[in-house]
Full PDB file with SEQRES, HELIX, SHEET, SSBOND, CRYST1, ORIGX, SCALE, CONECT and MASTER records, all heavy atoms in Angstrom:
SEQRES   1 A   34  ARG THR LEU GLN GLY ILE HIS ALA ALA LEU ARG PRO GLU          
SEQRES   2 A   34  GLY HIS LEU VAL PHE GLU THR ARG ARG PRO ASP HIS ARG          
SEQRES   3 A   34  VAL TRP GLU GLU TRP ALA THR ASP                              
HELIX    1 AA1 THR A    2  ALA A    9  1                                   8    
HELIX    2 AA2 PRO A   23  HIS A   25  5                                   3    
HELIX    3 AA3 VAL A   27  THR A   33  1                                   7    
CRYST1    1.000    1.000    1.000  90.00  90.00  90.00 P 1           1          
ORIGX1      1.000000  0.000000  0.000000        0.00000                         
ORIGX2      0.000000  1.000000  0.000000        0.00000                         
ORIGX3      0.000000  0.000000  1.000000        0.00000                         
SCALE1      1.000000  0.000000  0.000000        0.00000                         
SCALE2      0.000000  1.000000  0.000000        0.00000                         
SCALE3      0.000000  0.000000  1.000000        0.00000                         
ATOM      1  N   ARG A   1      -4.449  -3.847  11.768  1.00  0.00           N  
ATOM      2  CA  ARG A   1      -5.529  -3.083  12.400  1.00  0.00           C  
ATOM      3  C   ARG A   1      -6.086  -2.043  11.297  1.00  0.00           C  
ATOM      4  O   ARG A   1      -7.284  -1.800  11.266  1.00  0.00           O  
ATOM      5  CB  ARG A   1      -5.147  -2.345  13.630  1.00  0.00           C  
ATOM      6  CG  ARG A   1      -5.069  -3.192  14.821  1.00  0.00           C  
ATOM      7  CD  ARG A   1      -4.805  -2.397  16.096  1.00  0.00           C  
ATOM      8  NE  ARG A   1      -3.486  -1.771  16.106  1.00  0.00           N  
ATOM      9  CZ  ARG A   1      -2.446  -2.299  16.736  1.00  0.00           C  
ATOM     10  NH1 ARG A   1      -2.540  -3.484  17.316  1.00  0.00           N  
ATOM     11  NH2 ARG A   1      -1.307  -1.610  16.749  1.00  0.00           N  
ATOM     12  N   THR A   2      -5.259  -1.519  10.548  1.00  0.00           N  
ATOM     13  CA  THR A   2      -5.649  -0.544   9.507  1.00  0.00           C  
ATOM     14  C   THR A   2      -6.480  -1.274   8.473  1.00  0.00           C  
ATOM     15  O   THR A   2      -7.543  -0.807   8.086  1.00  0.00           O  
ATOM     16  CB  THR A   2      -4.413   0.063   8.810  1.00  0.00           C  
ATOM     17  OG1 THR A   2      -3.663   0.810   9.794  1.00  0.00           O  
ATOM     18  CG2 THR A   2      -4.811   0.962   7.654  1.00  0.00           C  
ATOM     19  N   LEU A   3      -6.095  -2.439   7.981  1.00  0.00           N  
ATOM     20  CA  LEU A   3      -6.812  -3.213   6.984  1.00  0.00           C  
ATOM     21  C   LEU A   3      -8.212  -3.586   7.620  1.00  0.00           C  
ATOM     22  O   LEU A   3      -9.236  -3.542   6.846  1.00  0.00           O  
ATOM     23  CB  LEU A   3      -6.099  -4.421   6.605  1.00  0.00           C  
ATOM     24  CG  LEU A   3      -4.832  -4.205   5.708  1.00  0.00           C  
ATOM     25  CD1 LEU A   3      -4.137  -5.522   5.499  1.00  0.00           C  
ATOM     26  CD2 LEU A   3      -5.185  -3.515   4.422  1.00  0.00           C  
ATOM     27  N   GLN A   4      -8.235  -3.938   8.883  1.00  0.00           N  
ATOM     28  CA  GLN A   4      -9.496  -4.323   9.456  1.00  0.00           C  
ATOM     29  C   GLN A   4     -10.441  -3.159   9.700  1.00  0.00           C  
ATOM     30  O   GLN A   4     -11.652  -3.174   9.416  1.00  0.00           O  
ATOM     31  CB  GLN A   4      -9.255  -5.003  10.830  1.00  0.00           C  
ATOM     32  CG  GLN A   4      -8.553  -6.366  10.691  1.00  0.00           C  
ATOM     33  CD  GLN A   4      -7.883  -6.818  11.994  1.00  0.00           C  
ATOM     34  OE1 GLN A   4      -8.037  -6.236  13.096  1.00  0.00           O  
ATOM     35  NE2 GLN A   4      -7.186  -7.899  11.892  1.00  0.00           N  
ATOM     36  N   GLY A   5      -9.903  -2.017   9.905  1.00  0.00           N  
ATOM     37  CA  GLY A   5     -10.687  -0.813  10.069  1.00  0.00           C  
ATOM     38  C   GLY A   5     -11.318  -0.354   8.739  1.00  0.00           C  
ATOM     39  O   GLY A   5     -12.516  -0.010   8.742  1.00  0.00           O  
ATOM     40  N   ILE A   6     -10.572  -0.529   7.716  1.00  0.00           N  
ATOM     41  CA  ILE A   6     -11.079  -0.233   6.374  1.00  0.00           C  
ATOM     42  C   ILE A   6     -12.173  -1.235   5.981  1.00  0.00           C  
ATOM     43  O   ILE A   6     -13.206  -0.913   5.474  1.00  0.00           O  
ATOM     44  CB  ILE A   6      -9.914  -0.226   5.326  1.00  0.00           C  
ATOM     45  CG1 ILE A   6      -8.974   0.965   5.622  1.00  0.00           C  
ATOM     46  CG2 ILE A   6     -10.518  -0.158   3.918  1.00  0.00           C  
ATOM     47  CD1 ILE A   6      -7.655   0.833   4.802  1.00  0.00           C  
ATOM     48  N   HIS A   7     -11.907  -2.458   6.306  1.00  0.00           N  
ATOM     49  CA  HIS A   7     -12.885  -3.604   6.082  1.00  0.00           C  
ATOM     50  C   HIS A   7     -14.194  -3.231   6.680  1.00  0.00           C  
ATOM     51  O   HIS A   7     -15.258  -3.371   6.062  1.00  0.00           O  
ATOM     52  CB  HIS A   7     -12.316  -4.917   6.667  1.00  0.00           C  
ATOM     53  CG  HIS A   7     -13.139  -6.087   6.307  1.00  0.00           C  
ATOM     54  ND1 HIS A   7     -14.284  -6.437   7.021  1.00  0.00           N  
ATOM     55  CD2 HIS A   7     -12.929  -7.141   5.394  1.00  0.00           C  
ATOM     56  CE1 HIS A   7     -14.816  -7.519   6.519  1.00  0.00           C  
ATOM     57  NE2 HIS A   7     -13.945  -8.016   5.565  1.00  0.00           N  
ATOM     58  N   ALA A   8     -14.179  -2.715   7.948  1.00  0.00           N  
ATOM     59  CA  ALA A   8     -15.431  -2.431   8.586  1.00  0.00           C  
ATOM     60  C   ALA A   8     -16.151  -1.236   7.949  1.00  0.00           C  
ATOM     61  O   ALA A   8     -17.326  -1.083   8.094  1.00  0.00           O  
ATOM     62  CB  ALA A   8     -15.181  -2.190  10.075  1.00  0.00           C  
ATOM     63  N   ALA A   9     -15.411  -0.375   7.360  1.00  0.00           N  
ATOM     64  CA  ALA A   9     -15.972   0.887   6.743  1.00  0.00           C  
ATOM     65  C   ALA A   9     -16.532   0.616   5.364  1.00  0.00           C  
ATOM     66  O   ALA A   9     -17.225   1.493   4.804  1.00  0.00           O  
ATOM     67  CB  ALA A   9     -14.918   1.956   6.699  1.00  0.00           C  
ATOM     68  N   LEU A  10     -16.154  -0.438   4.727  1.00  0.00           N  
ATOM     69  CA  LEU A  10     -16.572  -0.865   3.446  1.00  0.00           C  
ATOM     70  C   LEU A  10     -17.985  -1.536   3.448  1.00  0.00           C  
ATOM     71  O   LEU A  10     -18.248  -2.252   4.502  1.00  0.00           O  
ATOM     72  CB  LEU A  10     -15.599  -1.785   2.732  1.00  0.00           C  
ATOM     73  CG  LEU A  10     -14.292  -1.113   2.214  1.00  0.00           C  
ATOM     74  CD1 LEU A  10     -13.341  -2.232   1.743  1.00  0.00           C  
ATOM     75  CD2 LEU A  10     -14.598  -0.146   1.059  1.00  0.00           C  
ATOM     76  N   ARG A  11     -18.753  -1.424   2.451  1.00  0.00           N  
ATOM     77  CA  ARG A  11     -19.915  -2.262   2.328  1.00  0.00           C  
ATOM     78  C   ARG A  11     -19.531  -3.737   1.958  1.00  0.00           C  
ATOM     79  O   ARG A  11     -18.374  -3.959   1.493  1.00  0.00           O  
ATOM     80  CB  ARG A  11     -20.809  -1.709   1.168  1.00  0.00           C  
ATOM     81  CG  ARG A  11     -20.228  -1.761  -0.183  1.00  0.00           C  
ATOM     82  CD  ARG A  11     -21.321  -1.605  -1.277  1.00  0.00           C  
ATOM     83  NE  ARG A  11     -20.754  -1.498  -2.546  1.00  0.00           N  
ATOM     84  CZ  ARG A  11     -20.345  -2.596  -3.358  1.00  0.00           C  
ATOM     85  NH1 ARG A  11     -20.408  -3.771  -2.794  1.00  0.00           N  
ATOM     86  NH2 ARG A  11     -19.831  -2.370  -4.541  1.00  0.00           N  
ATOM     87  N   PRO A  12     -20.378  -4.677   2.216  1.00  0.00           N  
ATOM     88  CA  PRO A  12     -20.044  -6.073   1.725  1.00  0.00           C  
ATOM     89  C   PRO A  12     -19.665  -6.104   0.304  1.00  0.00           C  
ATOM     90  O   PRO A  12     -20.353  -5.409  -0.508  1.00  0.00           O  
ATOM     91  CB  PRO A  12     -21.379  -6.807   2.052  1.00  0.00           C  
ATOM     92  CG  PRO A  12     -22.003  -6.131   3.163  1.00  0.00           C  
ATOM     93  CD  PRO A  12     -21.646  -4.625   2.855  1.00  0.00           C  
ATOM     94  N   GLU A  13     -18.577  -6.713  -0.019  1.00  0.00           N  
ATOM     95  CA  GLU A  13     -18.033  -6.811  -1.379  1.00  0.00           C  
ATOM     96  C   GLU A  13     -17.492  -5.501  -1.894  1.00  0.00           C  
ATOM     97  O   GLU A  13     -17.258  -5.369  -3.121  1.00  0.00           O  
ATOM     98  CB  GLU A  13     -19.022  -7.483  -2.296  1.00  0.00           C  
ATOM     99  CG  GLU A  13     -19.445  -8.841  -1.991  1.00  0.00           C  
ATOM    100  CD  GLU A  13     -20.329  -9.537  -3.021  1.00  0.00           C  
ATOM    101  OE1 GLU A  13     -20.857  -8.830  -3.931  1.00  0.00           O  
ATOM    102  OE2 GLU A  13     -20.444 -10.790  -2.898  1.00  0.00           O  
ATOM    103  N   GLY A  14     -17.340  -4.492  -0.989  1.00  0.00           N  
ATOM    104  CA  GLY A  14     -16.650  -3.227  -1.400  1.00  0.00           C  
ATOM    105  C   GLY A  14     -15.211  -3.504  -1.725  1.00  0.00           C  
ATOM    106  O   GLY A  14     -14.644  -4.588  -1.393  1.00  0.00           O  
ATOM    107  N   HIS A  15     -14.551  -2.536  -2.368  1.00  0.00           N  
ATOM    108  CA  HIS A  15     -13.178  -2.737  -2.841  1.00  0.00           C  
ATOM    109  C   HIS A  15     -12.142  -1.837  -2.079  1.00  0.00           C  
ATOM    110  O   HIS A  15     -12.501  -0.730  -1.629  1.00  0.00           O  
ATOM    111  CB  HIS A  15     -13.078  -2.448  -4.310  1.00  0.00           C  
ATOM    112  CG  HIS A  15     -13.890  -3.375  -5.126  1.00  0.00           C  
ATOM    113  ND1 HIS A  15     -15.198  -3.159  -5.484  1.00  0.00           N  
ATOM    114  CD2 HIS A  15     -13.498  -4.538  -5.774  1.00  0.00           C  
ATOM    115  CE1 HIS A  15     -15.649  -4.178  -6.260  1.00  0.00           C  
ATOM    116  NE2 HIS A  15     -14.674  -4.991  -6.446  1.00  0.00           N  
ATOM    117  N   LEU A  16     -11.036  -2.316  -2.036  1.00  0.00           N  
ATOM    118  CA  LEU A  16      -9.770  -1.591  -1.525  1.00  0.00           C  
ATOM    119  C   LEU A  16      -8.743  -1.599  -2.521  1.00  0.00           C  
ATOM    120  O   LEU A  16      -8.373  -2.579  -3.141  1.00  0.00           O  
ATOM    121  CB  LEU A  16      -9.289  -2.266  -0.201  1.00  0.00           C  
ATOM    122  CG  LEU A  16      -7.886  -1.756   0.255  1.00  0.00           C  
ATOM    123  CD1 LEU A  16      -7.902  -0.285   0.645  1.00  0.00           C  
ATOM    124  CD2 LEU A  16      -7.455  -2.628   1.458  1.00  0.00           C  
ATOM    125  N   VAL A  17      -8.251  -0.415  -2.951  1.00  0.00           N  
ATOM    126  CA  VAL A  17      -7.210  -0.242  -3.915  1.00  0.00           C  
ATOM    127  C   VAL A  17      -6.100   0.555  -3.356  1.00  0.00           C  
ATOM    128  O   VAL A  17      -6.371   1.698  -2.727  1.00  0.00           O  
ATOM    129  CB  VAL A  17      -7.780   0.413  -5.236  1.00  0.00           C  
ATOM    130  CG1 VAL A  17      -6.600   0.653  -6.242  1.00  0.00           C  
ATOM    131  CG2 VAL A  17      -8.862  -0.409  -5.857  1.00  0.00           C  
ATOM    132  N   PHE A  18      -4.863   0.079  -3.476  1.00  0.00           N  
ATOM    133  CA  PHE A  18      -3.738   0.846  -2.931  1.00  0.00           C  
ATOM    134  C   PHE A  18      -2.440   0.498  -3.657  1.00  0.00           C  
ATOM    135  O   PHE A  18      -2.407  -0.584  -4.320  1.00  0.00           O  
ATOM    136  CB  PHE A  18      -3.568   0.717  -1.399  1.00  0.00           C  
ATOM    137  CG  PHE A  18      -3.253  -0.733  -0.953  1.00  0.00           C  
ATOM    138  CD1 PHE A  18      -1.913  -1.121  -0.819  1.00  0.00           C  
ATOM    139  CD2 PHE A  18      -4.219  -1.647  -0.759  1.00  0.00           C  
ATOM    140  CE1 PHE A  18      -1.613  -2.399  -0.428  1.00  0.00           C  
ATOM    141  CE2 PHE A  18      -3.906  -2.932  -0.352  1.00  0.00           C  
ATOM    142  CZ  PHE A  18      -2.611  -3.336  -0.245  1.00  0.00           C  
ATOM    143  N   GLU A  19      -1.407   1.269  -3.535  1.00  0.00           N  
ATOM    144  CA  GLU A  19      -0.159   1.089  -4.137  1.00  0.00           C  
ATOM    145  C   GLU A  19       0.925   0.865  -3.014  1.00  0.00           C  
ATOM    146  O   GLU A  19       0.817   1.391  -1.951  1.00  0.00           O  
ATOM    147  CB  GLU A  19       0.238   2.247  -5.026  1.00  0.00           C  
ATOM    148  CG  GLU A  19       0.430   3.538  -4.265  1.00  0.00           C  
ATOM    149  CD  GLU A  19       0.327   4.735  -5.151  1.00  0.00           C  
ATOM    150  OE1 GLU A  19      -0.515   4.883  -5.992  1.00  0.00           O  
ATOM    151  OE2 GLU A  19       1.161   5.668  -4.944  1.00  0.00           O  
ATOM    152  N   THR A  20       1.984   0.202  -3.399  1.00  0.00           N  
ATOM    153  CA  THR A  20       3.110   0.059  -2.526  1.00  0.00           C  
ATOM    154  C   THR A  20       4.326  -0.258  -3.428  1.00  0.00           C  
ATOM    155  O   THR A  20       4.290  -0.926  -4.414  1.00  0.00           O  
ATOM    156  CB  THR A  20       2.938  -0.989  -1.497  1.00  0.00           C  
ATOM    157  OG1 THR A  20       4.069  -1.042  -0.599  1.00  0.00           O  
ATOM    158  CG2 THR A  20       2.713  -2.379  -2.100  1.00  0.00           C  
ATOM    159  N   ARG A  21       5.487   0.386  -3.038  1.00  0.00           N  
ATOM    160  CA  ARG A  21       6.667   0.257  -3.932  1.00  0.00           C  
ATOM    161  C   ARG A  21       7.169  -1.149  -3.848  1.00  0.00           C  
ATOM    162  O   ARG A  21       7.237  -1.812  -2.829  1.00  0.00           O  
ATOM    163  CB  ARG A  21       7.779   1.273  -3.487  1.00  0.00           C  
ATOM    164  CG  ARG A  21       7.368   2.748  -3.574  1.00  0.00           C  
ATOM    165  CD  ARG A  21       8.562   3.600  -3.066  1.00  0.00           C  
ATOM    166  NE  ARG A  21       8.232   4.966  -3.125  1.00  0.00           N  
ATOM    167  CZ  ARG A  21       7.687   5.652  -2.178  1.00  0.00           C  
ATOM    168  NH1 ARG A  21       7.355   5.056  -1.083  1.00  0.00           N  
ATOM    169  NH2 ARG A  21       7.441   7.016  -2.305  1.00  0.00           N  
ATOM    170  N   ARG A  22       7.671  -1.623  -5.005  1.00  0.00           N  
ATOM    171  CA  ARG A  22       8.235  -3.026  -5.091  1.00  0.00           C  
ATOM    172  C   ARG A  22       9.658  -2.992  -4.524  1.00  0.00           C  
ATOM    173  O   ARG A  22      10.536  -2.165  -4.930  1.00  0.00           O  
ATOM    174  CB  ARG A  22       8.355  -3.424  -6.563  1.00  0.00           C  
ATOM    175  CG  ARG A  22       6.999  -3.542  -7.277  1.00  0.00           C  
ATOM    176  CD  ARG A  22       7.140  -3.824  -8.744  1.00  0.00           C  
ATOM    177  NE  ARG A  22       7.995  -4.962  -8.974  1.00  0.00           N  
ATOM    178  CZ  ARG A  22       7.860  -5.763 -10.048  1.00  0.00           C  
ATOM    179  NH1 ARG A  22       6.860  -5.586 -10.875  1.00  0.00           N  
ATOM    180  NH2 ARG A  22       8.731  -6.797 -10.209  1.00  0.00           N  
ATOM    181  N   PRO A  23       9.959  -3.872  -3.505  1.00  0.00           N  
ATOM    182  CA  PRO A  23      11.255  -3.909  -2.917  1.00  0.00           C  
ATOM    183  C   PRO A  23      12.306  -4.287  -3.946  1.00  0.00           C  
ATOM    184  O   PRO A  23      13.475  -3.818  -3.838  1.00  0.00           O  
ATOM    185  CB  PRO A  23      11.090  -4.947  -1.858  1.00  0.00           C  
ATOM    186  CG  PRO A  23       9.765  -5.404  -1.812  1.00  0.00           C  
ATOM    187  CD  PRO A  23       8.986  -4.815  -2.828  1.00  0.00           C  
ATOM    188  N   ASP A  24      12.045  -5.083  -4.909  1.00  0.00           N  
ATOM    189  CA  ASP A  24      13.078  -5.527  -5.912  1.00  0.00           C  
ATOM    190  C   ASP A  24      13.515  -4.384  -6.841  1.00  0.00           C  
ATOM    191  O   ASP A  24      14.542  -4.477  -7.430  1.00  0.00           O  
ATOM    192  CB  ASP A  24      12.555  -6.715  -6.747  1.00  0.00           C  
ATOM    193  CG  ASP A  24      11.322  -6.433  -7.540  1.00  0.00           C  
ATOM    194  OD1 ASP A  24      10.569  -5.388  -7.243  1.00  0.00           O  
ATOM    195  OD2 ASP A  24      10.985  -7.221  -8.452  1.00  0.00           O  
ATOM    196  N   HIS A  25      12.836  -3.308  -6.854  1.00  0.00           N  
ATOM    197  CA  HIS A  25      13.260  -2.142  -7.638  1.00  0.00           C  
ATOM    198  C   HIS A  25      14.323  -1.296  -6.882  1.00  0.00           C  
ATOM    199  O   HIS A  25      15.115  -0.619  -7.567  1.00  0.00           O  
ATOM    200  CB  HIS A  25      12.033  -1.172  -7.897  1.00  0.00           C  
ATOM    201  CG  HIS A  25      12.434  -0.025  -8.851  1.00  0.00           C  
ATOM    202  ND1 HIS A  25      12.748  -0.209 -10.172  1.00  0.00           N  
ATOM    203  CD2 HIS A  25      12.553   1.261  -8.537  1.00  0.00           C  
ATOM    204  CE1 HIS A  25      13.101   0.924 -10.673  1.00  0.00           C  
ATOM    205  NE2 HIS A  25      12.980   1.901  -9.745  1.00  0.00           N  
ATOM    206  N   ARG A  26      14.334  -1.491  -5.545  1.00  0.00           N  
ATOM    207  CA  ARG A  26      15.473  -0.892  -4.752  1.00  0.00           C  
ATOM    208  C   ARG A  26      15.529   0.675  -4.966  1.00  0.00           C  
ATOM    209  O   ARG A  26      16.624   1.198  -5.190  1.00  0.00           O  
ATOM    210  CB  ARG A  26      16.818  -1.529  -5.043  1.00  0.00           C  
ATOM    211  CG  ARG A  26      16.791  -3.066  -4.766  1.00  0.00           C  
ATOM    212  CD  ARG A  26      18.107  -3.737  -5.009  1.00  0.00           C  
ATOM    213  NE  ARG A  26      19.156  -3.225  -4.042  1.00  0.00           N  
ATOM    214  CZ  ARG A  26      19.298  -3.717  -2.848  1.00  0.00           C  
ATOM    215  NH1 ARG A  26      18.587  -4.793  -2.482  1.00  0.00           N  
ATOM    216  NH2 ARG A  26      20.279  -3.278  -2.035  1.00  0.00           N  
ATOM    217  N   VAL A  27      14.381   1.317  -4.827  1.00  0.00           N  
ATOM    218  CA  VAL A  27      14.321   2.698  -5.100  1.00  0.00           C  
ATOM    219  C   VAL A  27      15.241   3.529  -4.117  1.00  0.00           C  
ATOM    220  O   VAL A  27      15.669   4.593  -4.486  1.00  0.00           O  
ATOM    221  CB  VAL A  27      12.863   3.215  -5.046  1.00  0.00           C  
ATOM    222  CG1 VAL A  27      12.328   3.189  -3.653  1.00  0.00           C  
ATOM    223  CG2 VAL A  27      12.806   4.605  -5.693  1.00  0.00           C  
ATOM    224  N   TRP A  28      15.467   2.969  -2.959  1.00  0.00           N  
ATOM    225  CA  TRP A  28      16.353   3.699  -2.008  1.00  0.00           C  
ATOM    226  C   TRP A  28      17.734   3.946  -2.571  1.00  0.00           C  
ATOM    227  O   TRP A  28      18.401   4.850  -2.055  1.00  0.00           O  
ATOM    228  CB  TRP A  28      16.437   2.920  -0.635  1.00  0.00           C  
ATOM    229  CG  TRP A  28      16.878   1.488  -0.832  1.00  0.00           C  
ATOM    230  CD1 TRP A  28      18.132   0.999  -0.808  1.00  0.00           C  
ATOM    231  CD2 TRP A  28      15.965   0.408  -0.941  1.00  0.00           C  
ATOM    232  NE1 TRP A  28      18.094  -0.350  -0.997  1.00  0.00           N  
ATOM    233  CE2 TRP A  28      16.757  -0.782  -1.130  1.00  0.00           C  
ATOM    234  CE3 TRP A  28      14.539   0.203  -0.944  1.00  0.00           C  
ATOM    235  CZ2 TRP A  28      16.286  -2.072  -1.131  1.00  0.00           C  
ATOM    236  CZ3 TRP A  28      14.057  -1.074  -1.104  1.00  0.00           C  
ATOM    237  CH2 TRP A  28      14.840  -2.133  -1.255  1.00  0.00           C  
ATOM    238  N   GLU A  29      18.191   3.093  -3.476  1.00  0.00           N  
ATOM    239  CA  GLU A  29      19.493   3.426  -4.169  1.00  0.00           C  
ATOM    240  C   GLU A  29      19.412   4.633  -4.994  1.00  0.00           C  
ATOM    241  O   GLU A  29      20.430   5.418  -5.067  1.00  0.00           O  
ATOM    242  CB  GLU A  29      19.908   2.229  -4.961  1.00  0.00           C  
ATOM    243  CG  GLU A  29      20.214   0.899  -4.076  1.00  0.00           C  
ATOM    244  CD  GLU A  29      20.568  -0.317  -4.926  1.00  0.00           C  
ATOM    245  OE1 GLU A  29      20.455  -0.168  -6.157  1.00  0.00           O  
ATOM    246  OE2 GLU A  29      20.841  -1.336  -4.282  1.00  0.00           O  
ATOM    247  N   GLU A  30      18.354   4.922  -5.623  1.00  0.00           N  
ATOM    248  CA  GLU A  30      18.123   6.178  -6.336  1.00  0.00           C  
ATOM    249  C   GLU A  30      18.031   7.335  -5.433  1.00  0.00           C  
ATOM    250  O   GLU A  30      18.678   8.420  -5.614  1.00  0.00           O  
ATOM    251  CB  GLU A  30      16.871   6.107  -7.279  1.00  0.00           C  
ATOM    252  CG  GLU A  30      16.876   4.972  -8.273  1.00  0.00           C  
ATOM    253  CD  GLU A  30      15.554   4.891  -9.009  1.00  0.00           C  
ATOM    254  OE1 GLU A  30      14.789   5.916  -8.921  1.00  0.00           O  
ATOM    255  OE2 GLU A  30      15.230   3.900  -9.590  1.00  0.00           O  
ATOM    256  N   TRP A  31      17.362   7.103  -4.329  1.00  0.00           N  
ATOM    257  CA  TRP A  31      17.206   8.234  -3.315  1.00  0.00           C  
ATOM    258  C   TRP A  31      18.515   8.616  -2.730  1.00  0.00           C  
ATOM    259  O   TRP A  31      18.773   9.823  -2.477  1.00  0.00           O  
ATOM    260  CB  TRP A  31      16.280   7.752  -2.144  1.00  0.00           C  
ATOM    261  CG  TRP A  31      14.901   7.483  -2.571  1.00  0.00           C  
ATOM    262  CD1 TRP A  31      14.220   7.894  -3.693  1.00  0.00           C  
ATOM    263  CD2 TRP A  31      13.870   6.855  -1.757  1.00  0.00           C  
ATOM    264  NE1 TRP A  31      12.935   7.524  -3.737  1.00  0.00           N  
ATOM    265  CE2 TRP A  31      12.654   6.897  -2.550  1.00  0.00           C  
ATOM    266  CE3 TRP A  31      13.835   6.291  -0.509  1.00  0.00           C  
ATOM    267  CZ2 TRP A  31      11.468   6.361  -2.010  1.00  0.00           C  
ATOM    268  CZ3 TRP A  31      12.697   5.757  -0.001  1.00  0.00           C  
ATOM    269  CH2 TRP A  31      11.474   5.800  -0.761  1.00  0.00           C  
ATOM    270  N   ALA A  32      19.397   7.678  -2.581  1.00  0.00           N  
ATOM    271  CA  ALA A  32      20.736   7.940  -1.881  1.00  0.00           C  
ATOM    272  C   ALA A  32      21.597   8.897  -2.779  1.00  0.00           C  
ATOM    273  O   ALA A  32      22.421   9.567  -2.205  1.00  0.00           O  
ATOM    274  CB  ALA A  32      21.455   6.626  -1.581  1.00  0.00           C  
ATOM    275  N   THR A  33      21.343   8.913  -3.999  1.00  0.00           N  
ATOM    276  CA  THR A  33      22.127   9.750  -4.905  1.00  0.00           C  
ATOM    277  C   THR A  33      21.406  11.157  -5.220  1.00  0.00           C  
ATOM    278  O   THR A  33      22.030  12.004  -5.881  1.00  0.00           O  
ATOM    279  CB  THR A  33      22.428   9.100  -6.253  1.00  0.00           C  
ATOM    280  OG1 THR A  33      21.182   8.777  -6.957  1.00  0.00           O  
ATOM    281  CG2 THR A  33      23.154   7.757  -5.999  1.00  0.00           C  
ATOM    282  N   ASP A  34      20.174  11.238  -4.794  1.00  0.00           N  
ATOM    283  CA  ASP A  34      19.372  12.484  -5.091  1.00  0.00           C  
ATOM    284  C   ASP A  34      19.519  13.426  -3.882  1.00  0.00           C  
ATOM    285  O   ASP A  34      18.528  13.482  -3.027  1.00  0.00           O  
ATOM    286  CB  ASP A  34      17.972  12.020  -5.324  1.00  0.00           C  
ATOM    287  CG  ASP A  34      17.062  13.201  -5.801  1.00  0.00           C  
ATOM    288  OD1 ASP A  34      17.692  14.208  -6.111  1.00  0.00           O  
ATOM    289  OD2 ASP A  34      15.858  13.060  -5.731  1.00  0.00           O  
TER     290      ASP A  34                                                      
MASTER        0    0    0    3    0    0    0    6  289    1    0    3          
END                                                                             
């Protein structure tokens, strides 16, 4: 629903750019020691 809402707010051929953490990096193991 979030992606669709953004889609409706963009002009035709508008862009969406975002980041997300890579699961294979397993950052939660670093978090557990911090």
